[in-house]
Amino acid sequence: MPWVHNVKNTDMIVAIDDEEALRIFRLFNETAGQNYLESSGVDKNLIARLPELGISGISNLLSSIKLAKYYEMNEDDVIFTIFTDSADLYQSRLVEMNESWGNYNLKQAEIDFISVLKKQSIDYTKELNYYDKKAIHNLKYFTWVEQQGKDVKELNAQWYDENYWQQKFTVVDKWDALIENFNSKVGLQIE
């Protein structure tokens, strides 16, 4: 549980099996997977963009599918998620999976598409009530207080102090200015 996460703002948690994210990572990045998707009618332009999703981004995608099914959403609903990484970070994982699981082929692509994407269900989802949120918040204690030396008073302030998060994020403009300054120095200024 990240230290800077306000758990009171979390309404649902979803667990994703690591192997499912890896299987979809292969589907999106291996030639056989992309060929299967194209033969299934997925637009070539979309297929070309699938490597923009890394393993964590794919986990967010799978979580979004579960969320949509849980709340019985349809084509009129929107889920906004963040794809936090890209395939560029994980090319060595493709090599490892081919070595340990065998080369990726059209049959495996079909299996992964159907059994992971299409058959995603609402298992391992949990809507959180007040005490669920508090229990998850308290998980921070083990990682951040016991292992990382954070102050338990600050942990308690995160839960009980109404102004904690507002005060914590008043420095966002300052962080943004520092990021923009750094980006311009290294030639990454985004217009």
N, C-alpha and C. Protein backbone atom coordinates (compact mmCIF):
# COMPACT_ATOMS: atom_id res chain seq x y z
N MET A 1 0.85 -1.17 0.00
CA MET A 1 0.00 0.00 0.00
C MET A 1 0.89 1.24 0.00
N PRO A 2 0.84 2.05 -1.04
CA PRO A 2 1.69 3.24 -1.09
C PRO A 2 1.40 4.20 0.07
N TRP A 3 2.45 4.79 0.61
CA TRP A 3 2.32 5.74 1.71
C TRP A 3 1.43 6.93 1.31
N VAL A 4 1.53 7.37 0.07
CA VAL A 4 0.80 8.57 -0.37
C VAL A 4 -0.58 8.26 -0.93
N HIS A 5 -1.14 7.12 -0.59
CA HIS A 5 -2.48 6.75 -1.06
C HIS A 5 -3.50 7.02 0.03
N ASN A 6 -4.48 7.85 -0.27
CA ASN A 6 -5.57 8.12 0.65
C ASN A 6 -6.61 7.03 0.49
N VAL A 7 -6.56 6.04 1.35
CA VAL A 7 -7.42 4.87 1.22
C VAL A 7 -8.90 5.23 1.41
N LYS A 8 -9.18 6.32 2.09
CA LYS A 8 -10.59 6.73 2.27
C LYS A 8 -11.25 7.02 0.93
N ASN A 9 -10.46 7.30 -0.10
CA ASN A 9 -11.00 7.56 -1.44
C ASN A 9 -11.10 6.31 -2.30
N THR A 10 -10.85 5.15 -1.73
CA THR A 10 -10.87 3.90 -2.47
C THR A 10 -12.21 3.20 -2.24
N ASP A 11 -12.94 2.98 -3.31
CA ASP A 11 -14.26 2.36 -3.18
C ASP A 11 -14.26 0.87 -3.48
N MET A 12 -13.26 0.41 -4.22
CA MET A 12 -13.22 -1.00 -4.59
C MET A 12 -11.77 -1.43 -4.76
N ILE A 13 -11.50 -2.67 -4.44
CA ILE A 13 -10.20 -3.25 -4.75
C ILE A 13 -10.41 -4.45 -5.67
N VAL A 14 -9.45 -4.68 -6.53
CA VAL A 14 -9.52 -5.78 -7.49
C VAL A 14 -8.16 -6.47 -7.50
N ALA A 15 -8.16 -7.77 -7.39
CA ALA A 15 -6.91 -8.54 -7.47
C ALA A 15 -6.81 -9.15 -8.86
N ILE A 16 -5.63 -9.02 -9.46
CA ILE A 16 -5.36 -9.58 -10.79
C ILE A 16 -4.24 -10.60 -10.66
N ASP A 17 -4.45 -11.76 -11.23
CA ASP A 17 -3.44 -12.81 -11.24
C ASP A 17 -2.27 -12.37 -12.11
N ASP A 18 -1.06 -12.41 -11.58
CA ASP A 18 0.14 -12.00 -12.33
C ASP A 18 0.24 -12.72 -13.67
N GLU A 19 -0.07 -14.01 -13.67
CA GLU A 19 0.05 -14.78 -14.90
C GLU A 19 -0.90 -14.28 -15.98
N GLU A 20 -2.09 -13.84 -15.59
CA GLU A 20 -3.02 -13.32 -16.59
C GLU A 20 -2.47 -12.05 -17.25
N ALA A 21 -1.88 -11.17 -16.46
CA ALA A 21 -1.28 -9.95 -17.03
C ALA A 21 -0.14 -10.32 -17.98
N LEU A 22 0.66 -11.32 -17.62
CA LEU A 22 1.76 -11.75 -18.48
C LEU A 22 1.25 -12.37 -19.78
N ARG A 23 0.18 -13.15 -19.70
CA ARG A 23 -0.38 -13.78 -20.90
C ARG A 23 -0.90 -12.72 -21.87
N ILE A 24 -1.55 -11.68 -21.34
CA ILE A 24 -2.05 -10.62 -22.22
C ILE A 24 -0.89 -9.78 -22.73
N PHE A 25 0.15 -9.63 -21.94
CA PHE A 25 1.35 -8.93 -22.41
C PHE A 25 1.92 -9.64 -23.64
N ARG A 26 1.95 -10.95 -23.61
CA ARG A 26 2.42 -11.71 -24.78
C ARG A 26 1.46 -11.52 -25.95
N LEU A 27 0.16 -11.62 -25.69
CA LEU A 27 -0.84 -11.45 -26.74
C LEU A 27 -0.66 -10.11 -27.45
N PHE A 28 -0.40 -9.05 -26.70
CA PHE A 28 -0.28 -7.71 -27.26
C PHE A 28 1.06 -7.45 -27.92
N ASN A 29 2.09 -8.25 -27.61
CA ASN A 29 3.44 -7.92 -28.06
C ASN A 29 4.11 -8.96 -28.95
N GLU A 30 3.63 -10.16 -28.95
CA GLU A 30 4.20 -11.19 -29.82
C GLU A 30 3.52 -11.11 -31.20
N THR A 31 4.25 -11.40 -32.25
CA THR A 31 3.71 -11.35 -33.61
C THR A 31 2.49 -12.25 -33.75
N ALA A 32 2.57 -13.46 -33.20
CA ALA A 32 1.43 -14.38 -33.29
C ALA A 32 0.20 -13.81 -32.59
N GLY A 33 0.39 -13.15 -31.48
CA GLY A 33 -0.72 -12.54 -30.76
C GLY A 33 -1.36 -11.42 -31.57
N GLN A 34 -0.52 -10.57 -32.14
CA GLN A 34 -1.04 -9.47 -32.95
C GLN A 34 -1.73 -9.99 -34.21
N ASN A 35 -1.18 -11.06 -34.80
CA ASN A 35 -1.84 -11.67 -35.97
C ASN A 35 -3.20 -12.23 -35.60
N TYR A 36 -3.28 -12.88 -34.44
CA TYR A 36 -4.56 -13.42 -33.99
C TYR A 36 -5.57 -12.29 -33.80
N LEU A 37 -5.16 -11.21 -33.15
CA LEU A 37 -6.07 -10.09 -32.92
C LEU A 37 -6.56 -9.50 -34.24
N GLU A 38 -5.66 -9.36 -35.20
CA GLU A 38 -6.06 -8.84 -36.51
C GLU A 38 -7.06 -9.77 -37.19
N SER A 39 -6.82 -11.09 -37.11
CA SER A 39 -7.74 -12.05 -37.73
C SER A 39 -9.09 -12.07 -37.02
N SER A 40 -9.12 -11.56 -35.78
CA SER A 40 -10.37 -11.49 -35.02
C SER A 40 -11.11 -10.18 -35.23
N GLY A 41 -10.55 -9.31 -36.09
CA GLY A 41 -11.23 -8.08 -36.44
C GLY A 41 -10.78 -6.85 -35.66
N VAL A 42 -9.72 -6.97 -34.88
CA VAL A 42 -9.22 -5.80 -34.15
C VAL A 42 -8.49 -4.90 -35.15
N ASP A 43 -8.78 -3.62 -35.09
CA ASP A 43 -8.21 -2.64 -36.01
C ASP A 43 -6.68 -2.61 -35.91
N LYS A 44 -6.01 -2.56 -37.07
CA LYS A 44 -4.54 -2.55 -37.13
C LYS A 44 -3.95 -1.38 -36.35
N ASN A 45 -4.60 -0.23 -36.39
CA ASN A 45 -4.10 0.94 -35.67
C ASN A 45 -4.10 0.72 -34.17
N LEU A 46 -5.13 0.04 -33.68
CA LEU A 46 -5.19 -0.28 -32.26
C LEU A 46 -4.12 -1.30 -31.90
N ILE A 47 -3.97 -2.30 -32.73
CA ILE A 47 -2.94 -3.33 -32.48
C ILE A 47 -1.55 -2.70 -32.41
N ALA A 48 -1.29 -1.74 -33.29
CA ALA A 48 0.01 -1.06 -33.30
C ALA A 48 0.27 -0.31 -32.00
N ARG A 49 -0.78 0.07 -31.29
CA ARG A 49 -0.63 0.83 -30.05
C ARG A 49 -0.60 -0.05 -28.80
N LEU A 50 -0.93 -1.32 -28.92
CA LEU A 50 -0.98 -2.20 -27.76
C LEU A 50 0.35 -2.29 -26.99
N PRO A 51 1.51 -2.21 -27.66
CA PRO A 51 2.76 -2.21 -26.90
C PRO A 51 2.95 -0.98 -26.00
N GLU A 52 2.05 -0.03 -26.08
CA GLU A 52 2.10 1.10 -25.15
C GLU A 52 1.70 0.68 -23.75
N LEU A 53 1.15 -0.52 -23.62
CA LEU A 53 0.75 -1.05 -22.31
C LEU A 53 1.81 -2.01 -21.81
N GLY A 54 2.33 -1.72 -20.62
CA GLY A 54 3.23 -2.65 -19.95
C GLY A 54 2.42 -3.58 -19.06
N ILE A 55 3.10 -4.35 -18.25
CA ILE A 55 2.43 -5.35 -17.42
C ILE A 55 1.50 -4.69 -16.40
N SER A 56 1.94 -3.60 -15.78
CA SER A 56 1.06 -2.90 -14.82
C SER A 56 -0.12 -2.26 -15.52
N GLY A 57 0.10 -1.69 -16.70
CA GLY A 57 -0.99 -1.12 -17.47
C GLY A 57 -2.02 -2.18 -17.85
N ILE A 58 -1.54 -3.36 -18.19
CA ILE A 58 -2.45 -4.46 -18.53
C ILE A 58 -3.23 -4.89 -17.29
N SER A 59 -2.60 -4.88 -16.13
CA SER A 59 -3.33 -5.18 -14.89
C SER A 59 -4.45 -4.16 -14.67
N ASN A 60 -4.17 -2.89 -14.97
CA ASN A 60 -5.22 -1.87 -14.87
C ASN A 60 -6.33 -2.12 -15.87
N LEU A 61 -5.97 -2.56 -17.08
CA LEU A 61 -6.97 -2.90 -18.10
C LEU A 61 -7.86 -4.04 -17.61
N LEU A 62 -7.25 -5.10 -17.09
CA LEU A 62 -8.02 -6.25 -16.59
C LEU A 62 -8.90 -5.84 -15.41
N SER A 63 -8.39 -4.98 -14.55
CA SER A 63 -9.19 -4.46 -13.42
C SER A 63 -10.39 -3.69 -13.94
N SER A 64 -10.19 -2.92 -15.00
CA SER A 64 -11.29 -2.15 -15.58
C SER A 64 -12.37 -3.06 -16.15
N ILE A 65 -11.95 -4.16 -16.75
CA ILE A 65 -12.93 -5.13 -17.27
C ILE A 65 -13.74 -5.70 -16.12
N LYS A 66 -13.07 -6.07 -15.04
CA LYS A 66 -13.78 -6.60 -13.87
C LYS A 66 -14.75 -5.57 -13.30
N LEU A 67 -14.28 -4.34 -13.19
CA LEU A 67 -15.12 -3.25 -12.68
C LEU A 67 -16.36 -3.07 -13.55
N ALA A 68 -16.17 -3.05 -14.86
CA ALA A 68 -17.31 -2.89 -15.78
C ALA A 68 -18.31 -4.03 -15.62
N LYS A 69 -17.82 -5.23 -15.48
CA LYS A 69 -18.73 -6.36 -15.31
C LYS A 69 -19.42 -6.31 -13.94
N TYR A 70 -18.68 -5.95 -12.91
CA TYR A 70 -19.24 -5.88 -11.56
C TYR A 70 -20.41 -4.90 -11.50
N TYR A 71 -20.23 -3.72 -12.10
CA TYR A 71 -21.27 -2.70 -12.08
C TYR A 71 -22.20 -2.76 -13.29
N GLU A 72 -22.10 -3.83 -14.06
CA GLU A 72 -22.97 -4.07 -15.21
C GLU A 72 -22.99 -2.88 -16.16
N MET A 73 -21.81 -2.37 -16.47
CA MET A 73 -21.69 -1.23 -17.37
C MET A 73 -21.91 -1.66 -18.81
N ASN A 74 -22.21 -0.68 -19.65
CA ASN A 74 -22.41 -0.96 -21.07
C ASN A 74 -21.68 0.09 -21.91
N GLU A 75 -21.99 0.13 -23.19
CA GLU A 75 -21.28 1.02 -24.11
C GLU A 75 -21.51 2.51 -23.83
N ASP A 76 -22.46 2.83 -22.99
CA ASP A 76 -22.71 4.23 -22.63
C ASP A 76 -21.89 4.69 -21.42
N ASP A 77 -21.21 3.78 -20.77
CA ASP A 77 -20.42 4.09 -19.58
C ASP A 77 -18.94 4.27 -19.95
N VAL A 78 -18.25 4.99 -19.10
CA VAL A 78 -16.83 5.26 -19.31
C VAL A 78 -16.05 4.88 -18.06
N ILE A 79 -14.96 4.18 -18.24
CA ILE A 79 -14.00 3.92 -17.17
C ILE A 79 -12.70 4.60 -17.59
N PHE A 80 -12.17 5.40 -16.72
CA PHE A 80 -10.90 6.07 -16.98
C PHE A 80 -9.85 5.40 -16.13
N THR A 81 -8.83 4.84 -16.76
CA THR A 81 -7.73 4.22 -16.02
C THR A 81 -6.42 4.74 -16.55
N ILE A 82 -5.36 4.40 -15.87
CA ILE A 82 -4.03 4.87 -16.25
C ILE A 82 -3.19 3.68 -16.68
N PHE A 83 -2.57 3.82 -17.84
CA PHE A 83 -1.62 2.81 -18.29
C PHE A 83 -0.24 3.32 -17.88
N THR A 84 0.26 2.76 -16.79
CA THR A 84 1.40 3.32 -16.06
C THR A 84 2.76 3.02 -16.68
N ASP A 85 2.82 2.12 -17.62
CA ASP A 85 4.10 1.71 -18.18
C ASP A 85 3.89 1.22 -19.60
N SER A 86 4.99 0.91 -20.27
CA SER A 86 4.88 0.40 -21.64
C SER A 86 5.69 -0.88 -21.77
N ALA A 87 5.51 -1.53 -22.90
CA ALA A 87 6.22 -2.78 -23.16
C ALA A 87 7.73 -2.58 -23.24
N ASP A 88 8.16 -1.36 -23.50
CA ASP A 88 9.60 -1.09 -23.59
C ASP A 88 10.35 -1.53 -22.35
N LEU A 89 9.69 -1.49 -21.20
CA LEU A 89 10.34 -1.84 -19.94
C LEU A 89 10.49 -3.34 -19.75
N TYR A 90 9.80 -4.14 -20.56
CA TYR A 90 9.67 -5.57 -20.27
C TYR A 90 10.08 -6.49 -21.41
N GLN A 91 10.90 -6.04 -22.31
CA GLN A 91 11.29 -6.91 -23.43
C GLN A 91 11.99 -8.18 -22.96
N SER A 92 12.75 -8.08 -21.89
CA SER A 92 13.43 -9.26 -21.37
C SER A 92 12.42 -10.28 -20.83
N ARG A 93 11.26 -9.82 -20.37
CA ARG A 93 10.24 -10.74 -19.88
C ARG A 93 9.67 -11.59 -21.02
N LEU A 94 9.55 -10.99 -22.22
CA LEU A 94 9.09 -11.77 -23.38
C LEU A 94 10.07 -12.91 -23.67
N VAL A 95 11.35 -12.59 -23.63
CA VAL A 95 12.38 -13.61 -23.85
C VAL A 95 12.28 -14.70 -22.79
N GLU A 96 12.16 -14.30 -21.53
CA GLU A 96 12.04 -15.27 -20.42
C GLU A 96 10.83 -16.17 -20.60
N MET A 97 9.68 -15.58 -20.98
CA MET A 97 8.47 -16.39 -21.14
C MET A 97 8.60 -17.36 -22.30
N ASN A 98 9.23 -16.92 -23.39
CA ASN A 98 9.43 -17.84 -24.51
C ASN A 98 10.34 -18.99 -24.11
N GLU A 99 11.33 -18.70 -23.29
CA GLU A 99 12.24 -19.75 -22.84
C GLU A 99 11.56 -20.72 -21.87
N SER A 100 10.74 -20.20 -20.97
CA SER A 100 10.14 -21.08 -19.97
C SER A 100 8.77 -21.64 -20.38
N TRP A 101 8.00 -20.90 -21.17
CA TRP A 101 6.66 -21.35 -21.55
C TRP A 101 6.59 -21.86 -22.99
N GLY A 102 7.66 -21.65 -23.76
CA GLY A 102 7.65 -22.03 -25.17
C GLY A 102 7.29 -20.84 -26.05
N ASN A 103 7.60 -20.96 -27.33
CA ASN A 103 7.31 -19.88 -28.27
C ASN A 103 5.81 -19.64 -28.36
N TYR A 104 5.47 -18.38 -28.53
CA TYR A 104 4.06 -17.99 -28.61
C TYR A 104 3.54 -18.30 -30.00
N ASN A 105 2.31 -18.81 -30.07
CA ASN A 105 1.73 -19.17 -31.36
C ASN A 105 0.26 -18.76 -31.40
N LEU A 106 -0.35 -18.94 -32.58
CA LEU A 106 -1.75 -18.53 -32.77
C LEU A 106 -2.71 -19.25 -31.83
N LYS A 107 -2.48 -20.51 -31.56
CA LYS A 107 -3.36 -21.27 -30.67
C LYS A 107 -3.31 -20.70 -29.26
N GLN A 108 -2.08 -20.40 -28.77
CA GLN A 108 -1.95 -19.83 -27.43
C GLN A 108 -2.56 -18.43 -27.39
N ALA A 109 -2.43 -17.68 -28.47
CA ALA A 109 -3.05 -16.36 -28.53
C ALA A 109 -4.57 -16.47 -28.40
N GLU A 110 -5.15 -17.42 -29.10
CA GLU A 110 -6.59 -17.62 -29.02
C GLU A 110 -7.01 -18.00 -27.59
N ILE A 111 -6.25 -18.90 -26.98
CA ILE A 111 -6.54 -19.32 -25.60
C ILE A 111 -6.47 -18.12 -24.66
N ASP A 112 -5.43 -17.31 -24.79
CA ASP A 112 -5.26 -16.16 -23.91
C ASP A 112 -6.36 -15.13 -24.12
N PHE A 113 -6.70 -14.88 -25.37
CA PHE A 113 -7.75 -13.91 -25.68
C PHE A 113 -9.08 -14.33 -25.05
N ILE A 114 -9.42 -15.59 -25.25
CA ILE A 114 -10.72 -16.07 -24.76
C ILE A 114 -10.71 -16.27 -23.25
N SER A 115 -9.69 -16.96 -22.73
CA SER A 115 -9.73 -17.32 -21.31
C SER A 115 -9.35 -16.18 -20.37
N VAL A 116 -8.62 -15.19 -20.86
CA VAL A 116 -8.25 -14.08 -19.97
C VAL A 116 -9.09 -12.83 -20.27
N LEU A 117 -9.10 -12.37 -21.50
CA LEU A 117 -9.85 -11.14 -21.79
C LEU A 117 -11.36 -11.35 -21.79
N LYS A 118 -11.82 -12.31 -22.58
CA LYS A 118 -13.27 -12.49 -22.73
C LYS A 118 -13.92 -13.11 -21.49
N LYS A 119 -13.21 -13.94 -20.78
CA LYS A 119 -13.80 -14.65 -19.64
C LYS A 119 -13.50 -13.97 -18.31
N GLN A 120 -12.99 -12.74 -18.35
CA GLN A 120 -12.72 -12.02 -17.11
C GLN A 120 -14.03 -11.92 -16.33
N SER A 121 -13.99 -12.19 -15.03
CA SER A 121 -15.21 -12.20 -14.23
C SER A 121 -15.07 -11.23 -13.05
N ILE A 122 -16.04 -11.24 -12.17
CA ILE A 122 -16.00 -10.34 -11.03
C ILE A 122 -15.37 -10.99 -9.79
N ASP A 123 -14.73 -12.14 -9.99
CA ASP A 123 -14.05 -12.75 -8.84
C ASP A 123 -12.91 -11.83 -8.38
N TYR A 124 -12.61 -11.92 -7.11
CA TYR A 124 -11.53 -11.14 -6.49
C TYR A 124 -11.74 -9.63 -6.60
N THR A 125 -13.02 -9.22 -6.55
CA THR A 125 -13.34 -7.80 -6.45
C THR A 125 -14.03 -7.59 -5.11
N LYS A 126 -13.82 -6.43 -4.52
CA LYS A 126 -14.46 -6.15 -3.23
C LYS A 126 -14.79 -4.68 -3.13
N GLU A 127 -16.10 -4.40 -2.97
CA GLU A 127 -16.53 -3.04 -2.65
C GLU A 127 -16.19 -2.80 -1.19
N LEU A 128 -15.65 -1.63 -0.90
CA LEU A 128 -15.15 -1.37 0.45
C LEU A 128 -16.11 -0.52 1.27
N ASN A 129 -16.35 -0.97 2.49
CA ASN A 129 -17.06 -0.13 3.44
C ASN A 129 -16.03 0.59 4.31
N TYR A 130 -16.48 1.37 5.26
CA TYR A 130 -15.57 2.16 6.10
C TYR A 130 -14.50 1.29 6.77
N TYR A 131 -14.92 0.18 7.36
CA TYR A 131 -13.96 -0.65 8.09
C TYR A 131 -13.04 -1.44 7.17
N ASP A 132 -13.49 -1.76 5.97
CA ASP A 132 -12.59 -2.37 4.98
C ASP A 132 -11.48 -1.38 4.62
N LYS A 133 -11.87 -0.12 4.39
CA LYS A 133 -10.90 0.92 4.05
C LYS A 133 -9.90 1.11 5.18
N LYS A 134 -10.40 1.13 6.39
CA LYS A 134 -9.51 1.32 7.54
C LYS A 134 -8.55 0.15 7.68
N ALA A 135 -9.01 -1.06 7.45
CA ALA A 135 -8.14 -2.23 7.53
C ALA A 135 -7.04 -2.16 6.48
N ILE A 136 -7.38 -1.72 5.27
CA ILE A 136 -6.38 -1.60 4.21
C ILE A 136 -5.40 -0.48 4.56
N HIS A 137 -5.91 0.64 5.06
CA HIS A 137 -5.04 1.74 5.49
C HIS A 137 -4.04 1.22 6.54
N ASN A 138 -4.51 0.43 7.47
CA ASN A 138 -3.65 -0.06 8.55
C ASN A 138 -2.57 -1.02 8.05
N LEU A 139 -2.72 -1.54 6.84
CA LEU A 139 -1.66 -2.38 6.26
C LEU A 139 -0.39 -1.56 6.03
N LYS A 140 -0.53 -0.25 5.90
CA LYS A 140 0.64 0.62 5.72
C LYS A 140 1.60 0.49 6.91
N TYR A 141 1.07 0.18 8.07
CA TYR A 141 1.90 0.13 9.27
C TYR A 141 3.09 -0.82 9.08
N PHE A 142 2.85 -2.00 8.56
CA PHE A 142 3.90 -3.01 8.47
C PHE A 142 5.01 -2.58 7.51
N THR A 143 4.64 -2.05 6.37
CA THR A 143 5.64 -1.64 5.40
C THR A 143 6.29 -0.32 5.76
N TRP A 144 5.49 0.66 6.11
CA TRP A 144 6.01 2.02 6.22
C TRP A 144 6.50 2.38 7.61
N VAL A 145 5.84 1.93 8.65
CA VAL A 145 6.28 2.26 10.01
C VAL A 145 7.34 1.26 10.46
N GLU A 146 7.02 -0.03 10.42
CA GLU A 146 7.96 -1.04 10.90
C GLU A 146 9.20 -1.17 10.02
N GLN A 147 9.02 -1.18 8.70
CA GLN A 147 10.15 -1.45 7.81
C GLN A 147 10.85 -0.21 7.29
N GLN A 148 10.11 0.89 7.10
CA GLN A 148 10.69 2.08 6.49
C GLN A 148 10.90 3.24 7.48
N GLY A 149 10.48 3.04 8.72
CA GLY A 149 10.73 4.05 9.74
C GLY A 149 9.83 5.27 9.70
N LYS A 150 8.72 5.21 9.00
CA LYS A 150 7.78 6.34 9.00
C LYS A 150 7.16 6.48 10.40
N ASP A 151 6.67 7.66 10.69
CA ASP A 151 6.10 7.99 11.99
C ASP A 151 4.66 7.51 12.08
N VAL A 152 4.34 6.74 13.12
CA VAL A 152 2.99 6.24 13.31
C VAL A 152 2.00 7.40 13.52
N LYS A 153 2.49 8.53 14.06
CA LYS A 153 1.60 9.69 14.22
C LYS A 153 1.15 10.20 12.85
N GLU A 154 2.05 10.19 11.87
CA GLU A 154 1.65 10.62 10.53
C GLU A 154 0.69 9.61 9.91
N LEU A 155 0.93 8.33 10.15
CA LEU A 155 0.00 7.30 9.65
C LEU A 155 -1.39 7.56 10.21
N ASN A 156 -1.48 7.82 11.49
CA ASN A 156 -2.77 8.10 12.11
C ASN A 156 -3.37 9.41 11.56
N ALA A 157 -2.53 10.40 11.31
CA ALA A 157 -3.01 11.66 10.75
C ALA A 157 -3.64 11.43 9.37
N GLN A 158 -3.06 10.52 8.59
CA GLN A 158 -3.62 10.22 7.27
C GLN A 158 -5.08 9.77 7.39
N TRP A 159 -5.40 9.07 8.47
CA TRP A 159 -6.76 8.56 8.64
C TRP A 159 -7.67 9.55 9.37
N TYR A 160 -7.17 10.18 10.43
CA TYR A 160 -8.03 10.95 11.32
C TYR A 160 -8.03 12.46 11.09
N ASP A 161 -6.97 13.00 10.51
CA ASP A 161 -6.86 14.45 10.33
C ASP A 161 -7.52 14.85 9.01
N GLU A 162 -8.63 15.58 9.10
CA GLU A 162 -9.38 15.98 7.92
C GLU A 162 -8.55 16.82 6.94
N ASN A 163 -7.53 17.50 7.43
CA ASN A 163 -6.74 18.41 6.59
C ASN A 163 -5.46 17.78 6.06
N TYR A 164 -5.13 16.56 6.49
CA TYR A 164 -3.84 15.96 6.14
C TYR A 164 -3.60 15.95 4.63
N TRP A 165 -4.52 15.37 3.89
CA TRP A 165 -4.29 15.21 2.44
C TRP A 165 -4.34 16.54 1.71
N GLN A 166 -5.21 17.44 2.15
CA GLN A 166 -5.27 18.76 1.53
C GLN A 166 -3.93 19.48 1.70
N GLN A 167 -3.38 19.42 2.90
CA GLN A 167 -2.09 20.07 3.16
C GLN A 167 -0.97 19.38 2.39
N LYS A 168 -1.02 18.07 2.32
CA LYS A 168 0.03 17.29 1.65
C LYS A 168 0.14 17.68 0.18
N PHE A 169 -0.98 17.95 -0.45
CA PHE A 169 -0.95 18.18 -1.89
C PHE A 169 -1.02 19.66 -2.28
N THR A 170 -0.85 20.55 -1.31
CA THR A 170 -0.74 21.96 -1.67
C THR A 170 0.57 22.25 -2.38
N VAL A 171 1.52 21.32 -2.31
CA VAL A 171 2.83 21.52 -2.94
C VAL A 171 2.87 21.00 -4.38
N VAL A 172 1.74 20.53 -4.91
CA VAL A 172 1.72 19.96 -6.25
C VAL A 172 2.21 20.97 -7.28
N ASP A 173 1.79 22.22 -7.18
CA ASP A 173 2.25 23.24 -8.13
C ASP A 173 3.77 23.38 -8.09
N LYS A 174 4.33 23.31 -6.90
CA LYS A 174 5.79 23.38 -6.74
C LYS A 174 6.46 22.17 -7.42
N TRP A 175 5.88 20.97 -7.22
CA TRP A 175 6.42 19.77 -7.86
C TRP A 175 6.33 19.89 -9.38
N ASP A 176 5.19 20.36 -9.87
CA ASP A 176 5.02 20.54 -11.31
C ASP A 176 6.07 21.47 -11.88
N ALA A 177 6.35 22.58 -11.18
CA ALA A 177 7.36 23.53 -11.65
C ALA A 177 8.74 22.88 -11.68
N LEU A 178 9.05 22.08 -10.66
CA LEU A 178 10.35 21.38 -10.64
C LEU A 178 10.45 20.37 -11.79
N ILE A 179 9.36 19.66 -12.04
CA ILE A 179 9.35 18.68 -13.15
C ILE A 179 9.53 19.39 -14.48
N GLU A 180 8.80 20.49 -14.69
CA GLU A 180 8.93 21.24 -15.94
C GLU A 180 10.34 21.78 -16.12
N ASN A 181 10.94 22.27 -15.04
CA ASN A 181 12.31 22.77 -15.10
C ASN A 181 13.28 21.65 -15.48
N PHE A 182 13.14 20.51 -14.84
CA PHE A 182 14.00 19.36 -15.15
C PHE A 182 13.82 18.94 -16.61
N ASN A 183 12.56 18.80 -17.04
CA ASN A 183 12.29 18.38 -18.42
C ASN A 183 12.90 19.34 -19.43
N SER A 184 12.84 20.63 -19.16
CA SER A 184 13.41 21.58 -20.12
C SER A 184 14.93 21.48 -20.14
N LYS A 185 15.55 21.18 -19.00
CA LYS A 185 17.01 21.04 -18.95
C LYS A 185 17.51 19.81 -19.71
N VAL A 186 16.70 18.76 -19.73
CA VAL A 186 17.13 17.53 -20.38
C VAL A 186 16.49 17.36 -21.76
N GLY A 187 15.78 18.38 -22.23
CA GLY A 187 15.23 18.34 -23.59
C GLY A 187 13.95 17.58 -23.72
N LEU A 188 13.21 17.43 -22.63
CA LEU A 188 11.95 16.69 -22.68
C LEU A 188 10.74 17.59 -22.50
N GLN A 189 10.91 18.87 -22.73
CA GLN A 189 9.81 19.80 -22.53
C GLN A 189 8.65 19.42 -23.43
N ILE A 190 7.50 19.26 -22.82
CA ILE A 190 6.29 18.87 -23.56
C ILE A 190 5.43 20.11 -23.71
N GLU A 191 5.04 20.40 -24.94
CA GLU A 191 4.21 21.58 -25.22
C GLU A 191 2.75 21.26 -25.02
